[in-house]
Amino acid sequence: MASAQTVIFLLILVIIKCTCFVDVAETWNTRGMELFTAKEIPSASQAFAEATKLSPNNSIYWYNYGMMQFIQKRYDRANVAFQKVLSLQTESNAAMHVHRGISFVCALEC
């Protein structure tokens, strides 16, 4: 049987590993936003996809990825991403995504 110290040490390692993935995922998301702002949509889409792989329960990353798919007229992929967003969201956060969608559209047309 593992000692309490061993179990605590292993838990700390898991937490550190998870934190590192979140930080890397956020870096990919930030890069995706930079690429989107530069209207480099395919590259932005790839960056958001990386963020979703590293942090699959983050609805914002899935939303960003879905918007890139939608903009590229990849509606099936966009639908899958948006369904994932809905599965992760509470009703109170849904309005935030509507406003973010309007911002994405405005950024493309401005």
C-alpha atoms as a PDB file:
ATOM      1  CA  MET A   1       0.000   0.000   0.000  1.00  0.00           C
ATOM      2  CA  ALA A   2       1.281   3.464  -0.906  1.00  0.00           C
ATOM      3  CA  SER A   3       2.222   5.810   1.875  1.00  0.00           C
ATOM      4  CA  ALA A   4       0.323   9.054   2.371  1.00  0.00           C
ATOM      5  CA  GLN A   5       3.407  11.002   1.299  1.00  0.00           C
ATOM      6  CA  THR A   6       3.593   9.071  -1.979  1.00  0.00           C
ATOM      7  CA  VAL A   7      -0.077   9.697  -2.700  1.00  0.00           C
ATOM      8  CA  ILE A   8       0.275  13.418  -1.951  1.00  0.00           C
ATOM      9  CA  PHE A   9       3.374  13.616  -4.146  1.00  0.00           C
ATOM     10  CA  LEU A  10       1.548  11.945  -7.040  1.00  0.00           C
ATOM     11  CA  LEU A  11      -1.435  14.271  -6.635  1.00  0.00           C
ATOM     12  CA  ILE A  12       0.864  17.294  -6.757  1.00  0.00           C
ATOM     13  CA  LEU A  13       2.444  15.975  -9.967  1.00  0.00           C
ATOM     14  CA  VAL A  14      -0.995  15.544 -11.544  1.00  0.00           C
ATOM     15  CA  ILE A  15      -2.005  19.077 -10.565  1.00  0.00           C
ATOM     16  CA  ILE A  16       1.204  20.526 -11.979  1.00  0.00           C
ATOM     17  CA  LYS A  17       0.764  18.590 -15.223  1.00  0.00           C
ATOM     18  CA  CYS A  18      -2.859  19.741 -15.587  1.00  0.00           C
ATOM     19  CA  THR A  19      -1.873  23.351 -14.881  1.00  0.00           C
ATOM     20  CA  CYS A  20       0.801  23.188 -17.576  1.00  0.00           C
ATOM     21  CA  PHE A  21      -1.709  21.900 -20.135  1.00  0.00           C
ATOM     22  CA  VAL A  22      -4.117  24.707 -19.258  1.00  0.00           C
ATOM     23  CA  ASP A  23      -1.374  27.305 -19.684  1.00  0.00           C
ATOM     24  CA  VAL A  24      -0.362  25.842 -23.055  1.00  0.00           C
ATOM     25  CA  ALA A  25      -4.009  25.667 -24.126  1.00  0.00           C
ATOM     26  CA  GLU A  26      -4.486  29.324 -23.225  1.00  0.00           C
ATOM     27  CA  THR A  27      -1.380  30.175 -25.239  1.00  0.00           C
ATOM     28  CA  TRP A  28      -2.884  28.416 -28.277  1.00  0.00           C
ATOM     29  CA  ASN A  29      -6.184  30.229 -27.737  1.00  0.00           C
ATOM     30  CA  THR A  30      -4.417  33.594 -27.508  1.00  0.00           C
ATOM     31  CA  ARG A  31      -2.477  32.793 -30.666  1.00  0.00           C
ATOM     32  CA  GLY A  32      -5.736  31.887 -32.381  1.00  0.00           C
ATOM     33  CA  MET A  33      -7.212  35.260 -31.455  1.00  0.00           C
ATOM     34  CA  GLU A  34      -4.119  37.023 -32.822  1.00  0.00           C
ATOM     35  CA  LEU A  35      -4.381  35.088 -36.089  1.00  0.00           C
ATOM     36  CA  PHE A  36      -8.106  35.784 -36.308  1.00  0.00           C
ATOM     37  CA  THR A  37      -7.464  39.495 -35.827  1.00  0.00           C
ATOM     38  CA  ALA A  38      -4.930  39.295 -38.675  1.00  0.00           C
ATOM     39  CA  LYS A  39      -7.679  37.530 -40.727  1.00  0.00           C
ATOM     40  CA  GLU A  40      -5.568  34.387 -41.001  1.00  0.00           C
ATOM     41  CA  ILE A  41      -8.593  32.159 -40.500  1.00  0.00           C
ATOM     42  CA  PRO A  42      -7.141  28.714 -41.394  1.00  0.00           C
ATOM     43  CA  SER A  43      -4.194  29.257 -39.045  1.00  0.00           C
ATOM     44  CA  ALA A  44      -6.495  30.599 -36.326  1.00  0.00           C
ATOM     45  CA  SER A  45      -8.652  27.508 -36.717  1.00  0.00           C
ATOM     46  CA  GLN A  46      -5.618  25.267 -36.207  1.00  0.00           C
ATOM     47  CA  ALA A  47      -4.587  27.186 -33.102  1.00  0.00           C
ATOM     48  CA  PHE A  48      -8.063  26.882 -31.579  1.00  0.00           C
ATOM     49  CA  ALA A  49      -8.098  23.165 -32.423  1.00  0.00           C
ATOM     50  CA  GLU A  50      -4.879  22.739 -30.451  1.00  0.00           C
ATOM     51  CA  ALA A  51      -6.432  24.579 -27.496  1.00  0.00           C
ATOM     52  CA  THR A  52      -9.441  22.220 -27.525  1.00  0.00           C
ATOM     53  CA  LYS A  53      -7.161  19.173 -27.596  1.00  0.00           C
ATOM     54  CA  LEU A  54      -5.246  20.365 -24.545  1.00  0.00           C
ATOM     55  CA  SER A  55      -8.281  21.595 -22.629  1.00  0.00           C
ATOM     56  CA  PRO A  56     -11.310  19.697 -23.963  1.00  0.00           C
ATOM     57  CA  ASN A  57     -13.689  20.967 -21.290  1.00  0.00           C
ATOM     58  CA  ASN A  58     -13.166  24.660 -22.017  1.00  0.00           C
ATOM     59  CA  SER A  59     -16.268  25.975 -23.779  1.00  0.00           C
ATOM     60  CA  ILE A  60     -14.557  29.172 -24.924  1.00  0.00           C
ATOM     61  CA  TYR A  61     -11.926  27.236 -26.873  1.00  0.00           C
ATOM     62  CA  TRP A  62     -14.628  25.104 -28.494  1.00  0.00           C
ATOM     63  CA  TYR A  63     -16.637  28.204 -29.324  1.00  0.00           C
ATOM     64  CA  ASN A  64     -13.658  29.890 -30.945  1.00  0.00           C
ATOM     65  CA  TYR A  65     -12.916  26.748 -32.945  1.00  0.00           C
ATOM     66  CA  GLY A  66     -16.573  26.511 -33.990  1.00  0.00           C
ATOM     67  CA  MET A  67     -16.610  30.105 -35.171  1.00  0.00           C
ATOM     68  CA  MET A  68     -13.565  29.487 -37.351  1.00  0.00           C
ATOM     69  CA  GLN A  69     -15.262  26.450 -38.862  1.00  0.00           C
ATOM     70  CA  PHE A  70     -18.422  28.448 -39.467  1.00  0.00           C
ATOM     71  CA  ILE A  71     -16.503  31.296 -41.116  1.00  0.00           C
ATOM     72  CA  GLN A  72     -14.831  28.750 -43.410  1.00  0.00           C
ATOM     73  CA  LYS A  73     -18.282  27.301 -44.245  1.00  0.00           C
ATOM     74  CA  ARG A  74     -17.428  23.993 -42.618  1.00  0.00           C
ATOM     75  CA  TYR A  75     -20.872  23.793 -41.106  1.00  0.00           C
ATOM     76  CA  ASP A  76     -20.727  20.156 -39.989  1.00  0.00           C
ATOM     77  CA  ARG A  77     -17.552  20.805 -37.994  1.00  0.00           C
ATOM     78  CA  ALA A  78     -18.986  24.048 -36.633  1.00  0.00           C
ATOM     79  CA  ASN A  79     -22.112  22.228 -35.493  1.00  0.00           C
ATOM     80  CA  VAL A  80     -20.071  19.603 -33.653  1.00  0.00           C
ATOM     81  CA  ALA A  81     -18.067  22.322 -31.908  1.00  0.00           C
ATOM     82  CA  PHE A  82     -21.172  24.304 -30.941  1.00  0.00           C
ATOM     83  CA  GLN A  83     -22.854  21.165 -29.609  1.00  0.00           C
ATOM     84  CA  LYS A  84     -19.792  20.658 -27.425  1.00  0.00           C
ATOM     85  CA  VAL A  85     -20.114  24.252 -26.207  1.00  0.00           C
ATOM     86  CA  LEU A  86     -23.735  23.657 -25.279  1.00  0.00           C
ATOM     87  CA  SER A  87     -22.863  20.462 -23.431  1.00  0.00           C
ATOM     88  CA  LEU A  88     -20.323  22.372 -21.335  1.00  0.00           C
ATOM     89  CA  GLN A  89     -22.308  25.553 -20.741  1.00  0.00           C
ATOM     90  CA  THR A  90     -24.748  26.651 -18.137  1.00  0.00           C
ATOM     91  CA  GLU A  91     -27.669  28.732 -19.344  1.00  0.00           C
ATOM     92  CA  SER A  92     -26.278  31.876 -17.728  1.00  0.00           C
ATOM     93  CA  ASN A  93     -23.124  31.707 -19.866  1.00  0.00           C
ATOM     94  CA  ALA A  94     -24.935  31.153 -23.169  1.00  0.00           C
ATOM     95  CA  ALA A  95     -25.553  34.891 -23.659  1.00  0.00           C
ATOM     96  CA  MET A  96     -21.822  35.541 -23.462  1.00  0.00           C
ATOM     97  CA  HIS A  97     -21.278  33.328 -26.498  1.00  0.00           C
ATOM     98  CA  VAL A  98     -23.991  35.127 -28.461  1.00  0.00           C
ATOM     99  CA  HIS A  99     -22.240  38.442 -27.852  1.00  0.00           C
ATOM    100  CA  ARG A 100     -18.867  36.932 -28.753  1.00  0.00           C
ATOM    101  CA  GLY A 101     -20.367  35.646 -32.017  1.00  0.00           C
ATOM    102  CA  ILE A 102     -21.580  39.116 -32.911  1.00  0.00           C
ATOM    103  CA  SER A 103     -18.071  40.428 -32.191  1.00  0.00           C
ATOM    104  CA  PHE A 104     -16.520  37.814 -34.493  1.00  0.00           C
ATOM    105  CA  VAL A 105     -18.844  38.767 -37.344  1.00  0.00           C
ATOM    106  CA  CYS A 106     -18.223  42.473 -36.836  1.00  0.00           C
ATOM    107  CA  ALA A 107     -14.462  41.928 -36.788  1.00  0.00           C
ATOM    108  CA  LEU A 108     -14.621  40.184 -40.162  1.00  0.00           C
ATOM    109  CA  GLU A 109     -16.787  42.819 -41.795  1.00  0.00           C
ATOM    110  CA  CYS A 110     -15.028  45.893 -40.398  1.00  0.00           C
END
